[in-house]
Amino acid sequence: MLSYIIRRTLYAIPILIGVNILTFVLFFVINSPDDMARAHLGDKYITEEDIDNWKIQKGYDKPLFINSSESGFDKFSETIFFNNSLKLFVFDFGQADDGRNITADIKQRMWPSLAFALPNFIVGLVINICVALLVIMFRGTKLDQTAVAIFVSLLSISYLFYIIVGQYFFAKTWKLVPISGYLPSEPWKFLILPILIGVISGIGQGARLYRTFFLEEAGKDYARTARAKGVTEIQLLFKHILPNALIPILTGVVVVIPILFMGALVMESFFGIPGLGSYMLDAIRSQDFAIVRSMVFIGSVLYIIGLILTDISYTWADPRVRLS
């Protein structure tokens, strides 16, 4: 198992390097430092001197890859690529355009994001699997057809609709919970409504997807053989169909787990949760390229971790994968 994990980790290193180079090209080649300066300072009433001063303050006045005016290692270290890209590999994110420490901001904001994302993910996963199993027990009946129609209807409703309706009834009309905000001392009071909305809005997609997985397994030969031997439907679902459907379920589930760290952009913004999702969105609005670049890199690292966890979970669900 250890050699398997090491091999998968080594496969991920070139991917991370490629993502880092691509991110650098998007930020500093296609969108040059001069363009960044104009976007940050505004297009009106700025001079070339203002642009040069801004680039000097942010360290964007150096060459991109090779500094021909330097010698030795400084020829590569005194460049924008080294100072703003390679340092990300040691998780040195530097400072935002307004002078804040990005690493400190991330450490502070990750907890509200996790406080919302983890319960939303776990509760939603359990409910979706249970609903899908319940529907499969009555497959081909009117209950199954009605459930599929409900799943499609839930999928057709905009995510914002759930947020607006939830805030209007639960917070504004019935005053059961605050409409927005967050307190570390009482997080549940502010998170219960976002979590409820997140779970309900995800039932349509999740339960319908898991129903498809279970339905495919229910029609295979081993399921028909088990029924012929007198295995009850409940035993068939939990002892045979559910374990054999773990591979496709894990494909979508495990990859999502590290991304939970990044938070939910829309949900955190609407409910005033000071997490990483709103942090990223605020950086995009203010065109703070240092924060956006750091968050993109973290997202890439977490996604690669998710892929590795997916591979490891495959070996747990199906040991035959270890031989591939």
C-alpha atoms as a PDB file:
ATOM      1  CA  MET A   1       0.000   0.000   0.000  1.00  0.00           C
ATOM      2  CA  LEU A   2       2.818   2.419   0.844  1.00  0.00           C
ATOM      3  CA  SER A   3       4.486   1.936  -2.523  1.00  0.00           C
ATOM      4  CA  TYR A   4       1.109   2.450  -4.194  1.00  0.00           C
ATOM      5  CA  ILE A   5       0.615   5.781  -2.390  1.00  0.00           C
ATOM      6  CA  ILE A   6       4.166   6.915  -3.214  1.00  0.00           C
ATOM      7  CA  ARG A   7       3.685   6.067  -6.879  1.00  0.00           C
ATOM      8  CA  ARG A   8       0.424   7.998  -7.074  1.00  0.00           C
ATOM      9  CA  THR A   9       2.007  10.972  -5.279  1.00  0.00           C
ATOM     10  CA  LEU A  10       4.911  11.080  -7.727  1.00  0.00           C
ATOM     11  CA  TYR A  11       2.450  11.083 -10.605  1.00  0.00           C
ATOM     12  CA  ALA A  12       0.863  14.222  -9.132  1.00  0.00           C
ATOM     13  CA  ILE A  13       4.065  16.289  -8.986  1.00  0.00           C
ATOM     14  CA  PRO A  14       4.267  17.029 -12.756  1.00  0.00           C
ATOM     15  CA  ILE A  15       0.577  17.944 -12.728  1.00  0.00           C
ATOM     16  CA  LEU A  16       1.108  20.469  -9.939  1.00  0.00           C
ATOM     17  CA  ILE A  17       4.121  21.959 -11.724  1.00  0.00           C
ATOM     18  CA  GLY A  18       2.111  22.281 -14.932  1.00  0.00           C
ATOM     19  CA  VAL A  19      -0.779  23.969 -13.125  1.00  0.00           C
ATOM     20  CA  ASN A  20       1.637  26.373 -11.454  1.00  0.00           C
ATOM     21  CA  ILE A  21       3.261  27.325 -14.764  1.00  0.00           C
ATOM     22  CA  LEU A  22      -0.127  27.735 -16.439  1.00  0.00           C
ATOM     23  CA  THR A  23      -1.329  29.963 -13.598  1.00  0.00           C
ATOM     24  CA  PHE A  24       1.795  32.090 -13.901  1.00  0.00           C
ATOM     25  CA  VAL A  25       1.331  32.457 -17.652  1.00  0.00           C
ATOM     26  CA  LEU A  26      -2.288  33.531 -17.204  1.00  0.00           C
ATOM     27  CA  PHE A  27      -1.392  36.108 -14.573  1.00  0.00           C
ATOM     28  CA  PHE A  28       1.883  37.551 -15.838  1.00  0.00           C
ATOM     29  CA  VAL A  29       2.136  36.847 -19.564  1.00  0.00           C
ATOM     30  CA  ILE A  30      -1.383  37.106 -20.942  1.00  0.00           C
ATOM     31  CA  ASN A  31      -2.253  39.685 -18.281  1.00  0.00           C
ATOM     32  CA  SER A  32       0.958  41.715 -17.989  1.00  0.00           C
ATOM     33  CA  PRO A  33       2.041  43.595 -14.824  1.00  0.00           C
ATOM     34  CA  ASP A  34       1.176  46.848 -16.624  1.00  0.00           C
ATOM     35  CA  ASP A  35      -2.392  45.602 -17.110  1.00  0.00           C
ATOM     36  CA  MET A  36      -2.553  44.640 -13.437  1.00  0.00           C
ATOM     37  CA  ALA A  37      -1.381  48.102 -12.422  1.00  0.00           C
ATOM     38  CA  ARG A  38      -3.981  49.821 -14.605  1.00  0.00           C
ATOM     39  CA  ALA A  39      -6.736  47.565 -13.279  1.00  0.00           C
ATOM     40  CA  HIS A  40      -5.736  48.275  -9.686  1.00  0.00           C
ATOM     41  CA  LEU A  41      -5.103  52.013 -10.041  1.00  0.00           C
ATOM     42  CA  GLY A  42      -7.885  52.743 -12.494  1.00  0.00           C
ATOM     43  CA  ASP A  43      -7.695  53.722 -16.144  1.00  0.00           C
ATOM     44  CA  LYS A  44      -8.192  57.453 -15.560  1.00  0.00           C
ATOM     45  CA  TYR A  45      -5.656  60.027 -14.416  1.00  0.00           C
ATOM     46  CA  ILE A  46      -2.707  57.666 -14.029  1.00  0.00           C
ATOM     47  CA  THR A  47       0.724  58.133 -15.504  1.00  0.00           C
ATOM     48  CA  GLU A  48       3.497  55.752 -16.459  1.00  0.00           C
ATOM     49  CA  GLU A  49       5.253  56.831 -13.282  1.00  0.00           C
ATOM     50  CA  ASP A  50       2.265  55.689 -11.228  1.00  0.00           C
ATOM     51  CA  ILE A  51       2.332  52.344 -12.988  1.00  0.00           C
ATOM     52  CA  ASP A  52       6.081  51.944 -12.421  1.00  0.00           C
ATOM     53  CA  ASN A  53       5.748  52.826  -8.730  1.00  0.00           C
ATOM     54  CA  TRP A  54       2.950  50.291  -8.281  1.00  0.00           C
ATOM     55  CA  LYS A  55       5.021  47.560  -9.943  1.00  0.00           C
ATOM     56  CA  ILE A  56       8.006  48.364  -7.723  1.00  0.00           C
ATOM     57  CA  GLN A  57       5.836  48.163  -4.590  1.00  0.00           C
ATOM     58  CA  LYS A  58       4.460  44.757  -5.603  1.00  0.00           C
ATOM     59  CA  GLY A  59       7.738  43.382  -6.972  1.00  0.00           C
ATOM     60  CA  TYR A  60       6.405  43.210 -10.526  1.00  0.00           C
ATOM     61  CA  ASP A  61       9.139  45.433 -11.983  1.00  0.00           C
ATOM     62  CA  LYS A  62      11.525  42.512 -12.472  1.00  0.00           C
ATOM     63  CA  PRO A  63      11.844  40.309 -15.597  1.00  0.00           C
ATOM     64  CA  LEU A  64       9.489  37.368 -15.899  1.00  0.00           C
ATOM     65  CA  PHE A  65      11.853  34.363 -16.053  1.00  0.00           C
ATOM     66  CA  ILE A  66      15.486  35.438 -16.505  1.00  0.00           C
ATOM     67  CA  ASN A  67      17.133  38.567 -15.128  1.00  0.00           C
ATOM     68  CA  SER A  68      20.009  39.263 -17.524  1.00  0.00           C
ATOM     69  CA  SER A  69      21.287  42.122 -15.347  1.00  0.00           C
ATOM     70  CA  GLU A  70      22.153  39.714 -12.520  1.00  0.00           C
ATOM     71  CA  SER A  71      24.701  36.912 -12.325  1.00  0.00           C
ATOM     72  CA  GLY A  72      24.757  33.425 -10.856  1.00  0.00           C
ATOM     73  CA  PHE A  73      21.641  32.158  -9.129  1.00  0.00           C
ATOM     74  CA  ASP A  74      20.304  35.718  -8.838  1.00  0.00           C
ATOM     75  CA  LYS A  75      19.704  35.599 -12.581  1.00  0.00           C
ATOM     76  CA  PHE A  76      16.791  33.248 -11.839  1.00  0.00           C
ATOM     77  CA  SER A  77      15.874  34.251  -8.279  1.00  0.00           C
ATOM     78  CA  GLU A  78      15.459  37.956  -9.043  1.00  0.00           C
ATOM     79  CA  THR A  79      12.489  37.340 -11.324  1.00  0.00           C
ATOM     80  CA  ILE A  80       8.730  37.523 -11.024  1.00  0.00           C
ATOM     81  CA  PHE A  81       8.422  33.767 -11.610  1.00  0.00           C
ATOM     82  CA  PHE A  82      10.695  32.896  -8.697  1.00  0.00           C
ATOM     83  CA  ASN A  83       9.223  35.409  -6.260  1.00  0.00           C
ATOM     84  CA  ASN A  84       5.566  34.863  -7.130  1.00  0.00           C
ATOM     85  CA  SER A  85       5.369  31.284  -8.308  1.00  0.00           C
ATOM     86  CA  LEU A  86       8.081  29.003  -6.933  1.00  0.00           C
ATOM     87  CA  LYS A  87       7.518  30.258  -3.389  1.00  0.00           C
ATOM     88  CA  LEU A  88       4.020  28.856  -3.559  1.00  0.00           C
ATOM     89  CA  PHE A  89       5.486  25.335  -3.415  1.00  0.00           C
ATOM     90  CA  VAL A  90       6.640  26.007   0.143  1.00  0.00           C
ATOM     91  CA  PHE A  91       3.286  27.677   0.863  1.00  0.00           C
ATOM     92  CA  ASP A  92       4.805  31.132   1.129  1.00  0.00           C
ATOM     93  CA  PHE A  93       1.916  33.210  -0.190  1.00  0.00           C
ATOM     94  CA  GLY A  94       3.339  36.603   0.720  1.00  0.00           C
ATOM     95  CA  GLN A  95       1.128  39.628   1.221  1.00  0.00           C
ATOM     96  CA  ALA A  96      -2.069  40.841  -0.380  1.00  0.00           C
ATOM     97  CA  ASP A  97      -2.180  44.106  -2.281  1.00  0.00           C
ATOM     98  CA  ASP A  98      -3.453  45.860   0.840  1.00  0.00           C
ATOM     99  CA  GLY A  99      -0.560  44.514   2.946  1.00  0.00           C
ATOM    100  CA  ARG A 100      -2.366  41.690   4.783  1.00  0.00           C
ATOM    101  CA  ASN A 101      -0.594  38.392   5.342  1.00  0.00           C
ATOM    102  CA  ILE A 102      -2.329  35.871   3.073  1.00  0.00           C
ATOM    103  CA  THR A 103      -1.236  32.824   5.087  1.00  0.00           C
ATOM    104  CA  ALA A 104      -2.678  34.321   8.287  1.00  0.00           C
ATOM    105  CA  ASP A 105      -5.938  35.133   6.493  1.00  0.00           C
ATOM    106  CA  ILE A 106      -6.227  31.575   5.186  1.00  0.00           C
ATOM    107  CA  LYS A 107      -5.591  30.052   8.630  1.00  0.00           C
ATOM    108  CA  GLN A 108      -8.247  32.290  10.138  1.00  0.00           C
ATOM    109  CA  ARG A 109     -10.876  31.838   7.439  1.00  0.00           C
ATOM    110  CA  MET A 110     -10.544  28.084   6.892  1.00  0.00           C
ATOM    111  CA  TRP A 111     -12.429  27.254  10.098  1.00  0.00           C
ATOM    112  CA  PRO A 112     -15.735  28.983   9.216  1.00  0.00           C
ATOM    113  CA  SER A 113     -15.567  27.307   5.794  1.00  0.00           C
ATOM    114  CA  LEU A 114     -15.024  23.875   7.339  1.00  0.00           C
ATOM    115  CA  ALA A 115     -17.706  24.503   9.976  1.00  0.00           C
ATOM    116  CA  PHE A 116     -20.213  24.964   7.151  1.00  0.00           C
ATOM    117  CA  ALA A 117     -18.844  22.566   4.532  1.00  0.00           C
ATOM    118  CA  LEU A 118     -18.224  19.429   6.610  1.00  0.00           C
ATOM    119  CA  PRO A 119     -21.732  19.096   8.158  1.00  0.00           C
ATOM    120  CA  ASN A 120     -23.257  20.012   4.814  1.00  0.00           C
ATOM    121  CA  PHE A 121     -21.205  17.321   3.083  1.00  0.00           C
ATOM    122  CA  ILE A 122     -21.687  14.534   5.648  1.00  0.00           C
ATOM    123  CA  VAL A 123     -25.411  15.067   6.257  1.00  0.00           C
ATOM    124  CA  GLY A 124     -26.068  15.513   2.548  1.00  0.00           C
ATOM    125  CA  LEU A 125     -24.160  12.338   1.653  1.00  0.00           C
ATOM    126  CA  VAL A 126     -26.012  10.210   4.207  1.00  0.00           C
ATOM    127  CA  ILE A 127     -29.430  11.572   3.209  1.00  0.00           C
ATOM    128  CA  ASN A 128     -28.780  11.182  -0.523  1.00  0.00           C
ATOM    129  CA  ILE A 129     -27.650   7.555  -0.155  1.00  0.00           C
ATOM    130  CA  CYS A 130     -30.579   6.688   2.129  1.00  0.00           C
ATOM    131  CA  VAL A 131     -33.113   8.318  -0.207  1.00  0.00           C
ATOM    132  CA  ALA A 132     -31.590   6.568  -3.236  1.00  0.00           C
ATOM    133  CA  LEU A 133     -31.696   3.174  -1.477  1.00  0.00           C
ATOM    134  CA  LEU A 134     -35.303   3.761  -0.438  1.00  0.00           C
ATOM    135  CA  VAL A 135     -36.286   4.571  -4.014  1.00  0.00           C
ATOM    136  CA  ILE A 136     -34.457   1.508  -5.356  1.00  0.00           C
ATOM    137  CA  MET A 137     -36.459  -0.727  -2.989  1.00  0.00           C
ATOM    138  CA  PHE A 138     -39.594   0.417  -4.832  1.00  0.00           C
ATOM    139  CA  ARG A 139     -38.073   0.631  -8.312  1.00  0.00           C
ATOM    140  CA  GLY A 140     -40.545   0.467 -11.159  1.00  0.00           C
ATOM    141  CA  THR A 141     -43.439   1.587  -8.963  1.00  0.00           C
ATOM    142  CA  LYS A 142     -45.267   4.913  -8.837  1.00  0.00           C
ATOM    143  CA  LEU A 143     -43.149   5.878  -5.832  1.00  0.00           C
ATOM    144  CA  ASP A 144     -40.020   5.472  -7.936  1.00  0.00           C
ATOM    145  CA  GLN A 145     -41.474   7.502 -10.790  1.00  0.00           C
ATOM    146  CA  THR A 146     -42.650  10.230  -8.433  1.00  0.00           C
ATOM    147  CA  ALA A 147     -39.243  10.380  -6.746  1.00  0.00           C
ATOM    148  CA  VAL A 148     -37.467  10.745 -10.100  1.00  0.00           C
ATOM    149  CA  ALA A 149     -39.832  13.569 -11.050  1.00  0.00           C
ATOM    150  CA  ILE A 150     -39.101  15.289  -7.733  1.00  0.00           C
ATOM    151  CA  PHE A 151     -35.331  14.873  -8.251  1.00  0.00           C
ATOM    152  CA  VAL A 152     -35.550  16.462 -11.706  1.00  0.00           C
ATOM    153  CA  SER A 153     -37.688  19.294 -10.326  1.00  0.00           C
ATOM    154  CA  LEU A 154     -35.174  20.002  -7.574  1.00  0.00           C
ATOM    155  CA  LEU A 155     -32.394  20.029 -10.164  1.00  0.00           C
ATOM    156  CA  SER A 156     -34.323  22.581 -12.224  1.00  0.00           C
ATOM    157  CA  ILE A 157     -34.573  25.075  -9.371  1.00  0.00           C
ATOM    158  CA  SER A 158     -31.813  27.656  -9.115  1.00  0.00           C
ATOM    159  CA  TYR A 159     -29.477  27.496  -6.125  1.00  0.00           C
ATOM    160  CA  LEU A 160     -30.258  31.147  -5.399  1.00  0.00           C
ATOM    161  CA  PHE A 161     -33.968  30.331  -5.086  1.00  0.00           C
ATOM    162  CA  TYR A 162     -33.303  28.076  -2.101  1.00  0.00           C
ATOM    163  CA  ILE A 163     -31.207  30.792  -0.451  1.00  0.00           C
ATOM    164  CA  ILE A 164     -33.765  33.568  -0.982  1.00  0.00           C
ATOM    165  CA  VAL A 165     -36.739  31.447   0.148  1.00  0.00           C
ATOM    166  CA  GLY A 166     -34.829  30.112   3.162  1.00  0.00           C
ATOM    167  CA  GLN A 167     -33.757  33.560   4.294  1.00  0.00           C
ATOM    168  CA  TYR A 168     -37.224  35.006   3.771  1.00  0.00           C
ATOM    169  CA  PHE A 169     -39.165  32.378   5.752  1.00  0.00           C
ATOM    170  CA  PHE A 170     -36.727  31.051   8.370  1.00  0.00           C
ATOM    171  CA  ALA A 171     -34.882  34.308   9.092  1.00  0.00           C
ATOM    172  CA  LYS A 172     -37.106  37.242   8.138  1.00  0.00           C
ATOM    173  CA  THR A 173     -40.669  35.938   8.619  1.00  0.00           C
ATOM    174  CA  TRP A 174     -40.354  33.305  11.358  1.00  0.00           C
ATOM    175  CA  LYS A 175     -37.162  34.764  12.882  1.00  0.00           C
ATOM    176  CA  LEU A 176     -35.855  31.330  13.834  1.00  0.00           C
ATOM    177  CA  VAL A 177     -32.259  32.083  12.867  1.00  0.00           C
ATOM    178  CA  PRO A 178     -30.217  35.181  11.948  1.00  0.00           C
ATOM    179  CA  ILE A 179     -30.439  36.156   8.306  1.00  0.00           C
ATOM    180  CA  SER A 180     -26.645  36.444   7.991  1.00  0.00           C
ATOM    181  CA  GLY A 181     -23.434  36.869   9.977  1.00  0.00           C
ATOM    182  CA  TYR A 182     -21.144  34.625  11.978  1.00  0.00           C
ATOM    183  CA  LEU A 183     -19.907  34.362  15.558  1.00  0.00           C
ATOM    184  CA  PRO A 184     -17.149  31.893  16.499  1.00  0.00           C
ATOM    185  CA  SER A 185     -18.696  31.502  19.942  1.00  0.00           C
ATOM    186  CA  GLU A 186     -22.089  30.427  18.517  1.00  0.00           C
ATOM    187  CA  PRO A 187     -21.463  29.171  14.996  1.00  0.00           C
ATOM    188  CA  TRP A 188     -24.411  26.737  14.926  1.00  0.00           C
ATOM    189  CA  LYS A 189     -26.910  29.604  15.204  1.00  0.00           C
ATOM    190  CA  PHE A 190     -25.641  31.128  11.957  1.00  0.00           C
ATOM    191  CA  LEU A 191     -24.790  27.899  10.104  1.00  0.00           C
ATOM    192  CA  ILE A 192     -27.912  25.804  10.604  1.00  0.00           C
ATOM    193  CA  LEU A 193     -29.833  27.586   7.842  1.00  0.00           C
ATOM    194  CA  PRO A 194     -27.013  27.476   5.248  1.00  0.00           C
ATOM    195  CA  ILE A 195     -26.447  23.788   6.018  1.00  0.00           C
ATOM    196  CA  LEU A 196     -30.176  23.038   5.699  1.00  0.00           C
ATOM    197  CA  ILE A 197     -30.345  24.861   2.369  1.00  0.00           C
ATOM    198  CA  GLY A 198     -27.192  23.134   1.133  1.00  0.00           C
ATOM    199  CA  VAL A 199     -28.565  19.671   1.985  1.00  0.00           C
ATOM    200  CA  ILE A 200     -32.000  20.275   0.456  1.00  0.00           C
ATOM    201  CA  SER A 201     -30.623  21.829  -2.727  1.00  0.00           C
ATOM    202  CA  GLY A 202     -28.274  18.864  -3.212  1.00  0.00           C
ATOM    203  CA  ILE A 203     -30.861  16.092  -2.862  1.00  0.00           C
ATOM    204  CA  GLY A 204     -32.007  16.319  -6.474  1.00  0.00           C
ATOM    205  CA  GLN A 205     -28.563  15.801  -7.972  1.00  0.00           C
ATOM    206  CA  GLY A 206     -27.110  13.462  -5.333  1.00  0.00           C
ATOM    207  CA  ALA A 207     -30.051  11.092  -4.827  1.00  0.00           C
ATOM    208  CA  ARG A 208     -30.709  10.862  -8.562  1.00  0.00           C
ATOM    209  CA  LEU A 209     -27.051  10.046  -9.248  1.00  0.00           C
ATOM    210  CA  TYR A 210     -26.834   7.403  -6.520  1.00  0.00           C
ATOM    211  CA  ARG A 211     -30.137   5.900  -7.672  1.00  0.00           C
ATOM    212  CA  THR A 212     -28.547   5.395 -11.094  1.00  0.00           C
ATOM    213  CA  PHE A 213     -25.554   3.618  -9.535  1.00  0.00           C
ATOM    214  CA  PHE A 214     -27.749   1.366  -7.392  1.00  0.00           C
ATOM    215  CA  LEU A 215     -30.131   0.648 -10.257  1.00  0.00           C
ATOM    216  CA  GLU A 216     -27.257  -0.506 -12.443  1.00  0.00           C
ATOM    217  CA  GLU A 217     -25.994  -2.862  -9.754  1.00  0.00           C
ATOM    218  CA  ALA A 218     -29.494  -4.186  -9.037  1.00  0.00           C
ATOM    219  CA  GLY A 219     -29.797  -5.465 -12.591  1.00  0.00           C
ATOM    220  CA  LYS A 220     -26.545  -7.447 -12.642  1.00  0.00           C
ATOM    221  CA  ASP A 221     -26.256 -11.225 -12.526  1.00  0.00           C
ATOM    222  CA  TYR A 222     -25.058 -11.454  -8.907  1.00  0.00           C
ATOM    223  CA  ALA A 223     -28.160  -9.563  -7.744  1.00  0.00           C
ATOM    224  CA  ARG A 224     -30.486 -11.896  -9.635  1.00  0.00           C
ATOM    225  CA  THR A 225     -28.600 -14.903  -8.264  1.00  0.00           C
ATOM    226  CA  ALA A 226     -28.924 -13.579  -4.701  1.00  0.00           C
ATOM    227  CA  ARG A 227     -32.671 -13.120  -5.144  1.00  0.00           C
ATOM    228  CA  ALA A 228     -32.994 -16.648  -6.501  1.00  0.00           C
ATOM    229  CA  LYS A 229     -31.272 -17.961  -3.373  1.00  0.00           C
ATOM    230  CA  GLY A 230     -33.828 -16.260  -1.154  1.00  0.00           C
ATOM    231  CA  VAL A 231     -31.877 -13.158  -0.073  1.00  0.00           C
ATOM    232  CA  THR A 232     -34.269 -10.434   1.075  1.00  0.00           C
ATOM    233  CA  GLU A 233     -34.326  -7.097  -0.714  1.00  0.00           C
ATOM    234  CA  ILE A 234     -32.916  -5.239   2.308  1.00  0.00           C
ATOM    235  CA  GLN A 235     -30.040  -7.721   2.644  1.00  0.00           C
ATOM    236  CA  LEU A 236     -29.396  -7.450  -1.086  1.00  0.00           C
ATOM    237  CA  LEU A 237     -29.253  -3.650  -0.917  1.00  0.00           C
ATOM    238  CA  PHE A 238     -26.933  -3.303   2.066  1.00  0.00           C
ATOM    239  CA  LYS A 239     -24.742  -6.422   1.720  1.00  0.00           C
ATOM    240  CA  HIS A 240     -24.332  -6.578  -2.051  1.00  0.00           C
ATOM    241  CA  ILE A 241     -25.550  -3.567  -4.041  1.00  0.00           C
ATOM    242  CA  LEU A 242     -24.233  -0.817  -1.747  1.00  0.00           C
ATOM    243  CA  PRO A 243     -20.668  -2.259  -1.428  1.00  0.00           C
ATOM    244  CA  ASN A 244     -20.449  -2.858  -5.181  1.00  0.00           C
ATOM    245  CA  ALA A 245     -21.614   0.696  -5.915  1.00  0.00           C
ATOM    246  CA  LEU A 246     -18.869   2.225  -3.758  1.00  0.00           C
ATOM    247  CA  ILE A 247     -16.422   2.712  -6.642  1.00  0.00           C
ATOM    248  CA  PRO A 248     -18.577   5.174  -8.629  1.00  0.00           C
ATOM    249  CA  ILE A 249     -19.750   6.836  -5.393  1.00  0.00           C
ATOM    250  CA  LEU A 250     -16.177   7.314  -4.156  1.00  0.00           C
ATOM    251  CA  THR A 251     -15.226   8.854  -7.496  1.00  0.00           C
ATOM    252  CA  GLY A 252     -17.405  11.868  -6.796  1.00  0.00           C
ATOM    253  CA  VAL A 253     -17.265  11.898  -3.005  1.00  0.00           C
ATOM    254  CA  VAL A 254     -13.545  11.702  -2.200  1.00  0.00           C
ATOM    255  CA  VAL A 255     -12.530  14.338  -4.736  1.00  0.00           C
ATOM    256  CA  VAL A 256     -14.971  16.771  -3.139  1.00  0.00           C
ATOM    257  CA  ILE A 257     -13.582  16.379   0.399  1.00  0.00           C
ATOM    258  CA  PRO A 258     -10.394  18.487  -0.008  1.00  0.00           C
ATOM    259  CA  ILE A 259     -12.289  21.091  -2.012  1.00  0.00           C
ATOM    260  CA  LEU A 260     -14.538  21.627   1.035  1.00  0.00           C
ATOM    261  CA  PHE A 261     -11.607  23.561   2.472  1.00  0.00           C
ATOM    262  CA  MET A 262     -12.101  26.208  -0.206  1.00  0.00           C
ATOM    263  CA  GLY A 263     -15.580  27.045   0.964  1.00  0.00           C
ATOM    264  CA  ALA A 264     -18.729  27.886  -1.004  1.00  0.00           C
ATOM    265  CA  LEU A 265     -18.539  31.183  -2.888  1.00  0.00           C
ATOM    266  CA  VAL A 266     -22.269  31.896  -3.207  1.00  0.00           C
ATOM    267  CA  MET A 267     -23.401  30.524   0.157  1.00  0.00           C
ATOM    268  CA  GLU A 268     -20.739  32.311   2.187  1.00  0.00           C
ATOM    269  CA  SER A 269     -21.376  35.599   0.411  1.00  0.00           C
ATOM    270  CA  PHE A 270     -25.156  35.514   0.919  1.00  0.00           C
ATOM    271  CA  PHE A 271     -24.933  34.516   4.585  1.00  0.00           C
ATOM    272  CA  GLY A 272     -21.933  36.665   5.519  1.00  0.00           C
ATOM    273  CA  ILE A 273     -19.767  33.697   6.530  1.00  0.00           C
ATOM    274  CA  PRO A 274     -16.127  34.893   6.748  1.00  0.00           C
ATOM    275  CA  GLY A 275     -14.708  31.800   5.059  1.00  0.00           C
ATOM    276  CA  LEU A 276     -12.365  31.152   2.176  1.00  0.00           C
ATOM    277  CA  GLY A 277     -15.167  31.247  -0.371  1.00  0.00           C
ATOM    278  CA  SER A 278     -16.070  34.840   0.432  1.00  0.00           C
ATOM    279  CA  TYR A 279     -12.341  35.596   0.757  1.00  0.00           C
ATOM    280  CA  MET A 280     -11.792  34.460  -2.820  1.00  0.00           C
ATOM    281  CA  LEU A 281     -14.824  36.341  -4.106  1.00  0.00           C
ATOM    282  CA  ASP A 282     -13.791  39.565  -2.370  1.00  0.00           C
ATOM    283  CA  ALA A 283     -10.309  39.227  -3.891  1.00  0.00           C
ATOM    284  CA  ILE A 284     -11.794  38.869  -7.366  1.00  0.00           C
ATOM    285  CA  ARG A 285     -13.963  41.940  -6.862  1.00  0.00           C
ATOM    286  CA  SER A 286     -11.040  44.033  -5.618  1.00  0.00           C
ATOM    287  CA  GLN A 287      -8.727  42.515  -8.266  1.00  0.00           C
ATOM    288  CA  ASP A 288      -6.248  41.407  -5.619  1.00  0.00           C
ATOM    289  CA  PHE A 289      -4.126  39.149  -7.802  1.00  0.00           C
ATOM    290  CA  ALA A 290      -1.908  37.934  -4.946  1.00  0.00           C
ATOM    291  CA  ILE A 291      -4.862  36.396  -3.121  1.00  0.00           C
ATOM    292  CA  VAL A 292      -6.445  34.967  -6.261  1.00  0.00           C
ATOM    293  CA  ARG A 293      -3.150  33.394  -7.332  1.00  0.00           C
ATOM    294  CA  SER A 294      -2.637  31.833  -3.890  1.00  0.00           C
ATOM    295  CA  MET A 295      -6.164  30.450  -3.738  1.00  0.00           C
ATOM    296  CA  VAL A 296      -5.862  28.970  -7.235  1.00  0.00           C
ATOM    297  CA  PHE A 297      -2.660  27.207  -6.172  1.00  0.00           C
ATOM    298  CA  ILE A 298      -4.248  25.878  -2.974  1.00  0.00           C
ATOM    299  CA  GLY A 299      -7.224  24.658  -4.975  1.00  0.00           C
ATOM    300  CA  SER A 300      -4.888  22.777  -7.338  1.00  0.00           C
ATOM    301  CA  VAL A 301      -3.049  21.149  -4.433  1.00  0.00           C
ATOM    302  CA  LEU A 302      -6.295  20.114  -2.767  1.00  0.00           C
ATOM    303  CA  TYR A 303      -7.685  18.710  -5.996  1.00  0.00           C
ATOM    304  CA  ILE A 304      -4.561  16.589  -6.483  1.00  0.00           C
ATOM    305  CA  ILE A 305      -4.871  15.388  -2.879  1.00  0.00           C
ATOM    306  CA  GLY A 306      -8.451  14.453  -3.686  1.00  0.00           C
ATOM    307  CA  LEU A 307      -7.324  12.395  -6.676  1.00  0.00           C
ATOM    308  CA  ILE A 308      -4.777  10.560  -4.524  1.00  0.00           C
ATOM    309  CA  LEU A 309      -7.401   9.900  -1.849  1.00  0.00           C
ATOM    310  CA  THR A 310      -9.703   8.608  -4.571  1.00  0.00           C
ATOM    311  CA  ASP A 311      -7.065   6.138  -5.737  1.00  0.00           C
ATOM    312  CA  ILE A 312      -6.442   5.008  -2.163  1.00  0.00           C
ATOM    313  CA  SER A 313     -10.158   4.592  -1.526  1.00  0.00           C
ATOM    314  CA  TYR A 314     -10.400   2.464  -4.679  1.00  0.00           C
ATOM    315  CA  THR A 315      -7.887   0.008  -3.214  1.00  0.00           C
ATOM    316  CA  TRP A 316      -9.991  -0.195  -0.078  1.00  0.00           C
ATOM    317  CA  ALA A 317     -13.236  -0.727  -1.973  1.00  0.00           C
ATOM    318  CA  ASP A 318     -11.726  -3.066  -4.586  1.00  0.00           C
ATOM    319  CA  PRO A 319      -8.284  -4.626  -3.818  1.00  0.00           C
ATOM    320  CA  ARG A 320      -7.929  -5.620  -7.487  1.00  0.00           C
ATOM    321  CA  VAL A 321      -7.124  -1.977  -8.262  1.00  0.00           C
ATOM    322  CA  ARG A 322      -3.779  -2.334  -6.434  1.00  0.00           C
ATOM    323  CA  LEU A 323      -2.528  -4.562  -9.226  1.00  0.00           C
ATOM    324  CA  SER A 324      -3.223  -1.985 -11.941  1.00  0.00           C
END
